[in-house]
Amino acid sequence: MRNNRILNWAGLTLLALIYTGCSVPPMVHKTENKITPVSYNGSQDSTNAAKLSWKEYFTDPYLTALIDTAFKNNQELNITLQEIEISRQEIRARKGEYLPFVGLGGGAGVDKIGRYTNLGASEATTDIKPGKETPEFLPDFQVAAFARWEVDIWHKLRNAKKAAVSRYLASVEGKNFMMTNLISEIANSYYELLALDAQLAIVRQNIEIQNNALKIVRMQKEATRVTELAVKRFEAQVLNTQDLQYDIRQRITVTENKINFLLGRYPQPVQRDSANFSNLIPNIMQAGIPSQILQNRPDVRQAENELTAAKLDVEVARANFYPSLSLDAGLGLRAFNPAYIAKLPESLIASLAGNLAGPLINKNAIKATYASANAKQIQAVYNYERTVLNAYIEVANQLSAIDNLSNSYNLKSQEVAALTESVNISNRLFTSARADYMEVLLTQREALESRFDLVETKMQQLNATVNVYRALGGGWR
């Protein structure tokens, strides 16, 4: 009869556990789309500039020295390195969860049991050592080793460890993406600094030219060939041009300090070679094919690892519906007198137990956890697809910018040449009284603006080559 009851209860328990494993609610899953366009502009050339290291791509020694310093001192990059260490320790913690845990402990205490209690009555008939009575206050001494182990039947703990590994890899890719952005930010700021130096030099040249023109106008006024109005207009033009240099100097200071901040240092002059700015030739970009961004772009690889971790989180949450098996064991020595601790086998204690348990009623918490994990997995899919799409568009935009800026620079160069020659012509005509002074002023102003625009276009060209290198995923190798 008793065996039948045990079998009945065991059967009911087994059915309940089977029910818990079969009650996983259905969820809508989404698979990421990894298909990219076959090319950027019809080219099938797989040569990709992103595979070049940043030291090969950037040849200016001052710029490479700045980047190298930033990799050592940039605070944000160093913070990210510590986040990688945190992720590494998370792997260690998850690994420890599915390995057996073994501990060693000891204890001591004292207890008094009433004579007329059940235990007191039974101990009254126990003769531990003939000729001696059991003490009224009974001490208790124990030294034991104990072990706990959750058997990872459904790979819940292993999947949790794999998810931690994927997040660690994602943090590494996050660091690589930060390195890529740091390089591009320093390079763009460096080229901006060179452009500002060039503009400042242009302003100084124009101040000298306009001062010479002002001297001529004053001489012509003395000869009554022009009025005081012409003199004042030329003076105003000179003052306006002189004022421009202070705005440029302020922008130089701000740009230098931006670079200093990225390098993790206090404000100081940034060494650079400004003399050859006009001779800088933008790199010829080889973009390869779009599918390469899946491997070259650190942010794409980061999103992919985060997606892998999110998928594993769903499996971990699903395993919570299934019964778990845990084993507990202990082995040690226990006695009421330290002298008896080493007396075997009387002081030896041992235990071994197995527990099989699963959720049965009120599974709202694990259902919510499972639904949340599935939603995060779908969210990670969209994030991955958005990252890939953004990477492709960034490359396409920068490649288009390189082509358009090249054409624009050629036209602006011709414009500068024409306006520079027109300044010389207007000066000669004004000296011979064949042109009005307003024509001279307008021509000088247009020439200055065109030279500024030419410098700005050159800077944008250089920035486009930096940006496309970053967009392709270069810089972190």
Protein backbone atom coordinates (compact mmCIF):
# COMPACT_ATOMS: atom_id res chain seq x y z
CA MET A 1 0.00 0.00 0.00
CA ARG A 2 2.78 2.42 0.95
CA ASN A 3 4.71 1.65 -2.24
CA ASN A 4 1.58 2.35 -4.28
CA ARG A 5 1.21 5.76 -2.64
CA ILE A 6 4.83 6.59 -3.37
CA LEU A 7 4.38 5.58 -6.99
CA ASN A 8 1.18 7.62 -7.27
CA TRP A 9 2.81 10.71 -5.84
CA ALA A 10 5.87 10.20 -8.05
CA GLY A 11 3.61 9.90 -11.09
CA LEU A 12 1.72 13.05 -10.20
CA THR A 13 4.98 14.90 -9.67
CA LEU A 14 6.31 13.71 -13.02
CA LEU A 15 3.11 14.78 -14.81
CA ALA A 16 3.28 18.20 -13.16
CA LEU A 17 6.90 18.63 -14.25
CA ILE A 18 6.03 17.58 -17.81
CA TYR A 19 3.20 20.13 -17.76
CA THR A 20 5.57 22.89 -16.72
CA GLY A 21 7.90 22.03 -19.60
CA CYS A 22 5.09 21.98 -22.15
CA SER A 23 3.52 25.28 -21.12
CA VAL A 24 6.00 27.61 -22.86
CA PRO A 25 3.92 30.37 -24.48
CA PRO A 26 4.42 30.85 -28.24
CA MET A 27 6.38 33.88 -29.35
CA VAL A 28 6.85 35.62 -32.70
CA HIS A 29 10.52 35.49 -33.70
CA LYS A 30 12.32 37.64 -36.26
CA THR A 31 15.40 36.77 -38.33
CA GLU A 32 17.85 39.48 -39.31
CA ASN A 33 18.37 40.44 -42.96
CA LYS A 34 22.05 40.33 -43.93
CA ILE A 35 21.57 41.02 -47.64
CA THR A 36 23.30 44.19 -48.88
CA PRO A 37 23.40 45.83 -52.34
CA VAL A 38 25.97 44.33 -54.69
CA SER A 39 27.91 47.58 -55.16
CA TYR A 40 28.08 51.28 -54.32
CA ASN A 41 28.37 52.71 -57.83
CA GLY A 42 28.40 49.70 -60.13
CA SER A 43 32.01 48.74 -59.38
CA GLN A 44 32.76 45.13 -58.43
CA ASP A 45 36.33 45.85 -57.30
CA SER A 46 36.78 44.26 -53.85
CA THR A 47 39.87 46.31 -52.97
CA ASN A 48 38.97 48.09 -49.76
CA ALA A 49 40.84 51.00 -48.17
CA ALA A 50 39.46 50.04 -44.75
CA LYS A 51 41.94 47.17 -44.58
CA LEU A 52 44.81 49.66 -44.42
CA SER A 53 46.02 50.50 -40.94
CA TRP A 54 45.62 54.13 -39.92
CA LYS A 55 49.40 54.62 -39.97
CA GLU A 56 49.41 53.61 -43.63
CA TYR A 57 46.39 55.72 -44.50
CA PHE A 58 47.55 58.94 -42.78
CA THR A 59 51.09 59.91 -43.72
CA ASP A 60 51.41 63.30 -42.00
CA PRO A 61 53.83 62.67 -39.09
CA TYR A 62 52.23 65.39 -36.94
CA LEU A 63 48.78 63.84 -37.39
CA THR A 64 49.94 60.28 -36.67
CA ALA A 65 51.69 61.51 -33.51
CA LEU A 66 48.44 63.12 -32.34
CA ILE A 67 46.45 59.93 -32.97
CA ASP A 68 49.03 57.80 -31.18
CA THR A 69 48.89 60.09 -28.15
CA ALA A 70 45.08 59.95 -28.12
CA PHE A 71 45.10 56.15 -28.02
CA LYS A 72 47.17 56.33 -24.83
CA ASN A 73 45.52 59.20 -23.00
CA ASN A 74 41.94 59.64 -24.20
CA GLN A 75 39.73 59.28 -21.12
CA GLU A 76 36.67 57.97 -22.94
CA LEU A 77 38.71 55.25 -24.60
CA ASN A 78 40.20 54.26 -21.25
CA ILE A 79 36.70 54.13 -19.74
CA THR A 80 35.69 51.77 -22.54
CA LEU A 81 38.68 49.54 -21.78
CA GLN A 82 37.42 49.19 -18.23
CA GLU A 83 33.97 48.28 -19.55
CA ILE A 84 35.65 45.49 -21.50
CA GLU A 85 37.23 44.26 -18.28
CA ILE A 86 33.82 44.33 -16.60
CA SER A 87 32.42 42.21 -19.45
CA ARG A 88 35.32 39.78 -19.09
CA GLN A 89 34.58 39.32 -15.40
CA GLU A 90 30.91 38.75 -16.24
CA ILE A 91 32.01 35.73 -18.31
CA ARG A 92 33.92 34.44 -15.32
CA ALA A 93 30.88 34.84 -13.09
CA ARG A 94 28.55 33.05 -15.55
CA LYS A 95 31.05 30.22 -15.94
CA GLY A 96 31.18 29.74 -12.19
CA GLU A 97 27.40 29.34 -12.00
CA TYR A 98 27.27 26.04 -13.89
CA LEU A 99 30.35 24.54 -12.19
CA PRO A 100 29.99 22.78 -8.80
CA PHE A 101 30.44 25.03 -5.80
CA VAL A 102 32.46 23.56 -2.95
CA GLY A 103 32.94 25.23 0.41
CA LEU A 104 34.52 24.49 3.75
CA GLY A 105 33.07 25.59 7.06
CA GLY A 106 33.16 25.04 10.75
CA GLY A 107 31.12 26.02 13.76
CA ALA A 108 30.66 25.72 17.48
CA GLY A 109 27.68 26.14 19.77
CA VAL A 110 25.99 25.06 22.99
CA ASP A 111 22.52 23.67 23.57
CA LYS A 112 20.39 22.58 26.54
CA ILE A 113 17.49 20.23 25.99
CA GLY A 114 14.76 19.91 28.59
CA ARG A 115 14.66 16.60 30.47
CA TYR A 116 11.00 15.99 29.80
CA THR A 117 11.10 16.75 26.07
CA ASN A 118 11.22 14.03 23.46
CA LEU A 119 14.89 14.55 22.79
CA GLY A 120 15.69 14.90 26.49
CA ALA A 121 13.93 11.64 27.33
CA SER A 122 15.74 9.76 24.55
CA GLU A 123 19.14 11.14 25.54
CA ALA A 124 18.62 10.09 29.15
CA THR A 125 18.91 6.47 28.04
CA THR A 126 22.03 7.08 25.93
CA ASP A 127 25.34 6.05 27.45
CA ILE A 128 28.05 7.88 25.56
CA LYS A 129 30.86 6.84 27.90
CA PRO A 130 30.36 4.53 30.85
CA GLY A 131 30.99 6.12 34.20
CA LYS A 132 30.37 9.69 33.08
CA GLU A 133 27.19 11.70 32.72
CA THR A 134 26.30 13.80 29.74
CA PRO A 135 26.79 17.52 30.55
CA GLU A 136 23.65 19.53 31.09
CA PHE A 137 24.71 22.19 28.58
CA LEU A 138 25.75 20.18 25.55
CA PRO A 139 28.40 21.79 23.27
CA ASP A 140 28.43 21.16 19.53
CA PHE A 141 31.53 21.29 17.32
CA GLN A 142 31.54 20.75 13.56
CA VAL A 143 33.95 20.85 10.64
CA ALA A 144 32.54 19.99 7.22
CA ALA A 145 32.88 20.42 3.47
CA PHE A 146 29.76 21.01 1.43
CA ALA A 147 29.00 21.12 -2.27
CA ARG A 148 26.17 22.44 -4.40
CA TRP A 149 25.64 21.88 -8.11
CA GLU A 150 22.80 22.76 -10.40
CA VAL A 151 22.85 20.23 -13.21
CA ASP A 152 22.55 22.26 -16.41
CA ILE A 153 20.05 19.97 -18.11
CA TRP A 154 18.58 22.58 -20.46
CA HIS A 155 21.84 24.51 -21.03
CA LYS A 156 20.38 27.52 -19.25
CA LEU A 157 23.62 28.32 -17.45
CA ARG A 158 25.81 27.58 -20.45
CA ASN A 159 23.71 29.81 -22.66
CA ALA A 160 23.98 32.54 -20.06
CA LYS A 161 27.76 32.19 -20.24
CA LYS A 162 27.68 32.28 -24.05
CA ALA A 163 25.55 35.43 -23.90
CA ALA A 164 28.15 37.01 -21.60
CA VAL A 165 30.87 36.06 -24.10
CA SER A 166 28.91 37.70 -26.93
CA ARG A 167 28.47 40.85 -24.88
CA TYR A 168 32.19 40.85 -24.13
CA LEU A 169 32.92 40.63 -27.86
CA ALA A 170 30.39 43.42 -28.43
CA SER A 171 32.24 45.61 -25.92
CA VAL A 172 35.52 44.93 -27.75
CA GLU A 173 33.89 45.97 -31.03
CA GLY A 174 32.53 49.04 -29.26
CA LYS A 175 36.10 49.94 -28.33
CA ASN A 176 37.19 49.42 -31.95
CA PHE A 177 34.36 51.65 -33.16
CA MET A 178 35.42 54.31 -30.68
CA MET A 179 38.99 54.09 -32.00
CA THR A 180 37.69 54.59 -35.54
CA ASN A 181 35.64 57.61 -34.51
CA LEU A 182 38.51 59.02 -32.46
CA ILE A 183 40.85 58.83 -35.46
CA SER A 184 38.35 60.54 -37.75
CA GLU A 185 37.56 63.25 -35.20
CA ILE A 186 41.25 64.08 -34.68
CA ALA A 187 42.00 63.98 -38.42
CA ASN A 188 39.04 66.22 -39.29
CA SER A 189 40.00 68.70 -36.56
CA TYR A 190 43.62 68.64 -37.74
CA TYR A 191 42.63 69.45 -41.33
CA GLU A 192 40.31 72.15 -40.05
CA LEU A 193 43.27 73.64 -38.19
CA LEU A 194 45.36 73.62 -41.37
CA ALA A 195 42.48 75.28 -43.26
CA LEU A 196 42.16 78.02 -40.62
CA ASP A 197 45.92 78.66 -40.83
CA ALA A 198 45.57 79.00 -44.60
CA GLN A 199 42.65 81.40 -44.24
CA LEU A 200 44.59 83.47 -41.72
CA ALA A 201 47.49 83.70 -44.16
CA ILE A 202 45.08 84.81 -46.91
CA VAL A 203 43.66 87.52 -44.64
CA ARG A 204 47.14 88.83 -43.87
CA GLN A 205 48.02 88.91 -47.57
CA ASN A 206 44.80 90.78 -48.33
CA ILE A 207 45.47 93.27 -45.55
CA GLU A 208 48.83 94.06 -47.15
CA ILE A 209 47.25 94.40 -50.61
CA GLN A 210 44.45 96.62 -49.32
CA ASN A 211 46.87 98.83 -47.38
CA ASN A 212 48.81 99.40 -50.59
CA ALA A 213 45.55 100.25 -52.37
CA LEU A 214 44.65 102.64 -49.55
CA LYS A 215 47.98 104.47 -50.00
CA ILE A 216 47.24 104.88 -53.69
CA VAL A 217 43.75 106.23 -52.98
CA ARG A 218 45.13 108.76 -50.50
CA MET A 219 47.69 109.90 -53.05
CA GLN A 220 44.93 110.28 -55.63
CA LYS A 221 42.84 112.31 -53.19
CA GLU A 222 45.75 114.68 -52.69
CA ALA A 223 45.88 114.98 -56.45
CA THR A 224 42.10 115.67 -56.38
CA ARG A 225 41.41 112.68 -58.57
CA VAL A 226 39.09 111.06 -55.98
CA THR A 227 37.04 112.34 -53.07
CA GLU A 228 37.24 111.68 -49.33
CA LEU A 229 34.44 109.16 -49.78
CA ALA A 230 36.72 106.80 -51.69
CA VAL A 231 39.37 107.07 -48.97
CA LYS A 232 36.87 106.22 -46.24
CA ARG A 233 35.48 103.27 -48.19
CA PHE A 234 38.97 101.84 -48.64
CA GLU A 235 39.73 102.41 -44.94
CA ALA A 236 36.54 100.56 -43.98
CA GLN A 237 37.51 97.68 -46.25
CA VAL A 238 40.92 97.40 -44.57
CA LEU A 239 39.37 97.48 -41.08
CA ASN A 240 36.81 94.83 -42.05
CA THR A 241 39.56 92.54 -43.31
CA GLN A 242 41.67 93.14 -40.19
CA ASP A 243 38.67 92.17 -38.08
CA LEU A 244 38.42 88.79 -39.83
CA GLN A 245 41.75 87.59 -38.46
CA TYR A 246 40.54 87.74 -34.84
CA ASP A 247 37.58 85.49 -35.56
CA ILE A 248 39.91 83.03 -37.30
CA ARG A 249 42.35 83.13 -34.37
CA GLN A 250 39.51 82.31 -31.97
CA ARG A 251 38.44 79.38 -34.15
CA ILE A 252 42.06 78.17 -34.19
CA THR A 253 42.17 78.27 -30.39
CA VAL A 254 38.88 76.35 -30.11
CA THR A 255 40.01 73.72 -32.64
CA GLU A 256 43.38 73.29 -30.92
CA ASN A 257 41.67 72.79 -27.58
CA LYS A 258 39.26 70.29 -29.11
CA ILE A 259 42.27 68.25 -30.24
CA ASN A 260 43.90 68.66 -26.82
CA PHE A 261 40.74 67.36 -25.16
CA LEU A 262 40.70 64.30 -27.41
CA LEU A 263 44.34 63.74 -26.52
CA GLY A 264 43.55 63.96 -22.80
CA ARG A 265 45.79 66.94 -22.12
CA TYR A 266 45.44 70.56 -21.07
CA PRO A 267 45.51 73.37 -23.70
CA GLN A 268 48.77 73.75 -25.56
CA PRO A 269 49.81 74.55 -29.15
CA VAL A 270 49.21 71.73 -31.62
CA GLN A 271 52.19 71.05 -33.86
CA ARG A 272 51.29 70.95 -37.54
CA ASP A 273 52.57 71.57 -41.03
CA SER A 274 50.43 74.38 -42.41
CA ALA A 275 52.73 75.38 -45.26
CA ASN A 276 51.74 72.49 -47.53
CA PHE A 277 47.97 72.64 -47.04
CA SER A 278 47.26 73.83 -50.58
CA ASN A 279 49.41 70.98 -51.94
CA LEU A 280 47.63 68.22 -50.03
CA ILE A 281 46.02 65.71 -52.37
CA PRO A 282 43.00 63.74 -51.08
CA ASN A 283 43.50 59.97 -51.00
CA ILE A 284 42.05 57.98 -53.85
CA MET A 285 39.34 55.90 -52.20
CA GLN A 286 38.71 52.25 -52.96
CA ALA A 287 35.45 51.33 -51.28
CA GLY A 288 35.27 47.63 -52.19
CA ILE A 289 31.82 46.02 -52.12
CA PRO A 290 29.03 46.68 -49.58
CA SER A 291 29.05 43.20 -48.06
CA GLN A 292 32.53 43.94 -46.66
CA ILE A 293 31.10 46.42 -44.16
CA LEU A 294 29.59 43.44 -42.29
CA GLN A 295 33.13 42.43 -41.33
CA ASN A 296 34.97 45.76 -41.42
CA ARG A 297 32.60 48.03 -39.50
CA PRO A 298 33.05 47.58 -35.73
CA ASP A 299 29.57 48.95 -34.97
CA VAL A 300 28.01 46.34 -37.29
CA ARG A 301 29.99 43.58 -35.60
CA GLN A 302 29.00 45.00 -32.22
CA ALA A 303 25.32 44.92 -33.19
CA GLU A 304 25.75 41.36 -34.45
CA ASN A 305 27.26 40.20 -31.15
CA GLU A 306 24.53 41.96 -29.19
CA LEU A 307 21.96 40.17 -31.38
CA THR A 308 23.63 36.81 -30.63
CA ALA A 309 23.50 37.59 -26.91
CA ALA A 310 19.82 38.55 -27.17
CA LYS A 311 18.99 35.25 -28.88
CA LEU A 312 20.77 33.34 -26.11
CA ASP A 313 18.87 35.34 -23.51
CA VAL A 314 15.64 34.03 -25.05
CA GLU A 315 16.89 30.44 -24.63
CA VAL A 316 17.84 31.16 -21.02
CA ALA A 317 14.38 32.60 -20.34
CA ARG A 318 12.74 29.61 -22.04
CA ALA A 319 14.66 27.20 -19.78
CA ASN A 320 12.99 28.74 -16.73
CA PHE A 321 9.79 26.90 -17.71
CA TYR A 322 11.52 23.52 -17.40
CA PRO A 323 12.28 21.70 -14.13
CA SER A 324 15.73 22.18 -12.66
CA LEU A 325 17.85 19.53 -10.97
CA SER A 326 20.22 20.42 -8.15
CA LEU A 327 22.49 18.23 -6.04
CA ASP A 328 23.61 18.99 -2.49
CA ALA A 329 26.26 17.02 -0.62
CA GLY A 330 28.12 17.38 2.64
CA LEU A 331 30.89 15.53 4.45
CA GLY A 332 32.41 16.37 7.83
CA LEU A 333 33.00 15.66 11.50
CA ARG A 334 30.69 16.58 14.39
CA ALA A 335 30.85 15.97 18.14
CA PHE A 336 29.87 17.58 21.43
CA ASN A 337 33.49 17.44 22.59
CA PRO A 338 36.54 18.43 20.51
CA ALA A 339 38.27 15.30 21.80
CA TYR A 340 35.74 13.17 19.92
CA ILE A 341 36.08 15.00 16.56
CA ALA A 342 38.77 12.63 15.32
CA LYS A 343 36.98 9.51 16.56
CA LEU A 344 35.75 7.68 13.50
CA PRO A 345 33.26 6.59 12.39
CA GLU A 346 31.15 7.85 15.34
CA SER A 347 31.79 11.57 14.58
CA LEU A 348 31.48 11.25 10.82
CA ILE A 349 28.49 12.99 9.17
CA ALA A 350 27.54 12.82 5.48
CA SER A 351 24.61 13.88 3.33
CA LEU A 352 23.56 13.65 -0.28
CA ALA A 353 20.32 15.02 -1.71
CA GLY A 354 18.86 15.72 -5.11
CA ASN A 355 16.08 18.20 -5.85
CA LEU A 356 13.95 18.31 -8.97
CA ALA A 357 11.64 21.32 -9.09
CA GLY A 358 9.76 23.31 -11.68
CA PRO A 359 7.16 26.08 -11.78
CA LEU A 360 3.54 24.94 -11.63
CA ILE A 361 1.17 27.77 -10.61
CA ASN A 362 1.51 31.54 -11.08
CA LYS A 363 4.19 31.66 -13.78
CA ASN A 364 3.60 35.32 -14.55
CA ALA A 365 7.13 36.32 -13.63
CA ILE A 366 8.88 33.80 -15.90
CA LYS A 367 6.37 34.46 -18.69
CA ALA A 368 7.10 38.16 -18.45
CA THR A 369 10.85 37.50 -18.45
CA TYR A 370 10.49 35.28 -21.52
CA ALA A 371 8.33 37.81 -23.38
CA SER A 372 10.74 40.61 -22.47
CA ALA A 373 13.75 38.61 -23.69
CA ASN A 374 11.96 37.85 -26.97
CA ALA A 375 11.07 41.53 -27.44
CA LYS A 376 14.70 42.52 -26.81
CA GLN A 377 15.79 39.94 -29.39
CA ILE A 378 13.46 41.48 -31.98
CA GLN A 379 14.72 44.90 -30.98
CA ALA A 380 18.30 43.69 -31.49
CA VAL A 381 17.37 42.47 -34.99
CA TYR A 382 16.04 45.91 -35.94
CA ASN A 383 19.10 47.56 -34.42
CA TYR A 384 21.40 45.30 -36.45
CA GLU A 385 19.55 46.00 -39.70
CA ARG A 386 19.50 49.74 -38.95
CA THR A 387 23.26 49.71 -38.26
CA VAL A 388 23.99 47.95 -41.57
CA LEU A 389 21.71 50.36 -43.47
CA ASN A 390 23.30 53.37 -41.80
CA ALA A 391 26.79 52.06 -42.64
CA TYR A 392 25.90 51.65 -46.31
CA ILE A 393 24.33 55.12 -46.54
CA GLU A 394 27.33 56.73 -44.83
CA VAL A 395 29.70 55.18 -47.37
CA ALA A 396 27.46 56.12 -50.31
CA ASN A 397 27.16 59.73 -49.07
CA GLN A 398 30.89 60.17 -48.58
CA LEU A 399 31.77 58.62 -51.95
CA SER A 400 29.32 61.03 -53.59
CA ALA A 401 30.84 63.91 -51.61
CA ILE A 402 34.33 63.04 -52.83
CA ASP A 403 33.22 63.18 -56.48
CA ASN A 404 31.21 66.37 -56.11
CA LEU A 405 33.85 68.17 -54.05
CA SER A 406 36.50 67.27 -56.61
CA ASN A 407 34.46 68.92 -59.37
CA SER A 408 33.67 71.86 -57.12
CA TYR A 409 37.34 72.37 -56.24
CA ASN A 410 38.34 72.46 -59.90
CA LEU A 411 35.73 75.11 -60.68
CA LYS A 412 36.58 77.20 -57.60
CA SER A 413 40.26 77.08 -58.54
CA GLN A 414 39.38 78.61 -61.89
CA GLU A 415 37.18 81.17 -60.12
CA VAL A 416 40.03 82.18 -57.80
CA ALA A 417 42.42 82.52 -60.72
CA ALA A 418 39.95 84.69 -62.60
CA LEU A 419 39.19 86.93 -59.61
CA THR A 420 42.86 87.27 -58.71
CA GLU A 421 43.57 88.48 -62.22
CA SER A 422 40.53 90.79 -62.03
CA VAL A 423 41.99 92.41 -58.88
CA ASN A 424 45.18 93.24 -60.77
CA ILE A 425 43.19 94.55 -63.72
CA SER A 426 40.91 96.69 -61.53
CA ASN A 427 43.90 98.18 -59.73
CA ARG A 428 45.54 99.13 -63.01
CA LEU A 429 42.32 100.60 -64.37
CA PHE A 430 41.70 102.55 -61.17
CA THR A 431 45.25 103.94 -61.24
CA SER A 432 44.69 105.16 -64.78
CA ALA A 433 41.25 106.54 -63.84
CA ARG A 434 39.46 104.10 -66.10
CA ALA A 435 37.58 102.28 -63.30
CA ASP A 436 35.53 103.40 -60.33
CA TYR A 437 36.82 102.72 -56.81
CA MET A 438 33.69 100.67 -56.05
CA GLU A 439 34.72 98.22 -58.75
CA VAL A 440 38.08 97.81 -57.02
CA LEU A 441 36.46 97.24 -53.62
CA LEU A 442 33.93 94.72 -54.91
CA THR A 443 36.59 92.84 -56.86
CA GLN A 444 38.86 92.62 -53.83
CA ARG A 445 35.99 91.40 -51.64
CA GLU A 446 34.94 88.77 -54.16
CA ALA A 447 38.51 87.58 -54.55
CA LEU A 448 38.92 87.21 -50.78
CA GLU A 449 35.66 85.28 -50.45
CA SER A 450 36.56 82.98 -53.32
CA ARG A 451 39.95 82.15 -51.79
CA PHE A 452 38.21 81.42 -48.49
CA ASP A 453 35.75 79.16 -50.31
CA LEU A 454 38.61 77.35 -52.05
CA VAL A 455 40.30 76.63 -48.73
CA GLU A 456 36.97 75.47 -47.28
CA THR A 457 36.42 73.13 -50.22
CA LYS A 458 39.92 71.68 -49.83
CA MET A 459 39.19 71.01 -46.16
CA GLN A 460 35.89 69.33 -47.05
CA GLN A 461 37.70 67.16 -49.57
CA LEU A 462 40.18 66.00 -46.94
CA ASN A 463 37.38 65.48 -44.41
CA ALA A 464 35.46 63.38 -46.95
CA THR A 465 38.42 61.03 -47.35
CA VAL A 466 38.60 60.73 -43.57
CA ASN A 467 34.88 60.14 -43.25
CA VAL A 468 34.72 57.49 -45.97
CA TYR A 469 37.67 55.69 -44.33
CA ARG A 470 35.70 55.68 -41.08
CA ALA A 471 32.46 54.70 -42.84
CA LEU A 472 34.18 51.73 -44.47
CA GLY A 473 35.35 50.56 -41.04
CA GLY A 474 38.98 51.55 -41.17
CA GLY A 475 41.21 52.68 -38.35
CA TRP A 476 40.78 50.04 -35.63
CA ARG A 477 43.26 47.49 -37.01
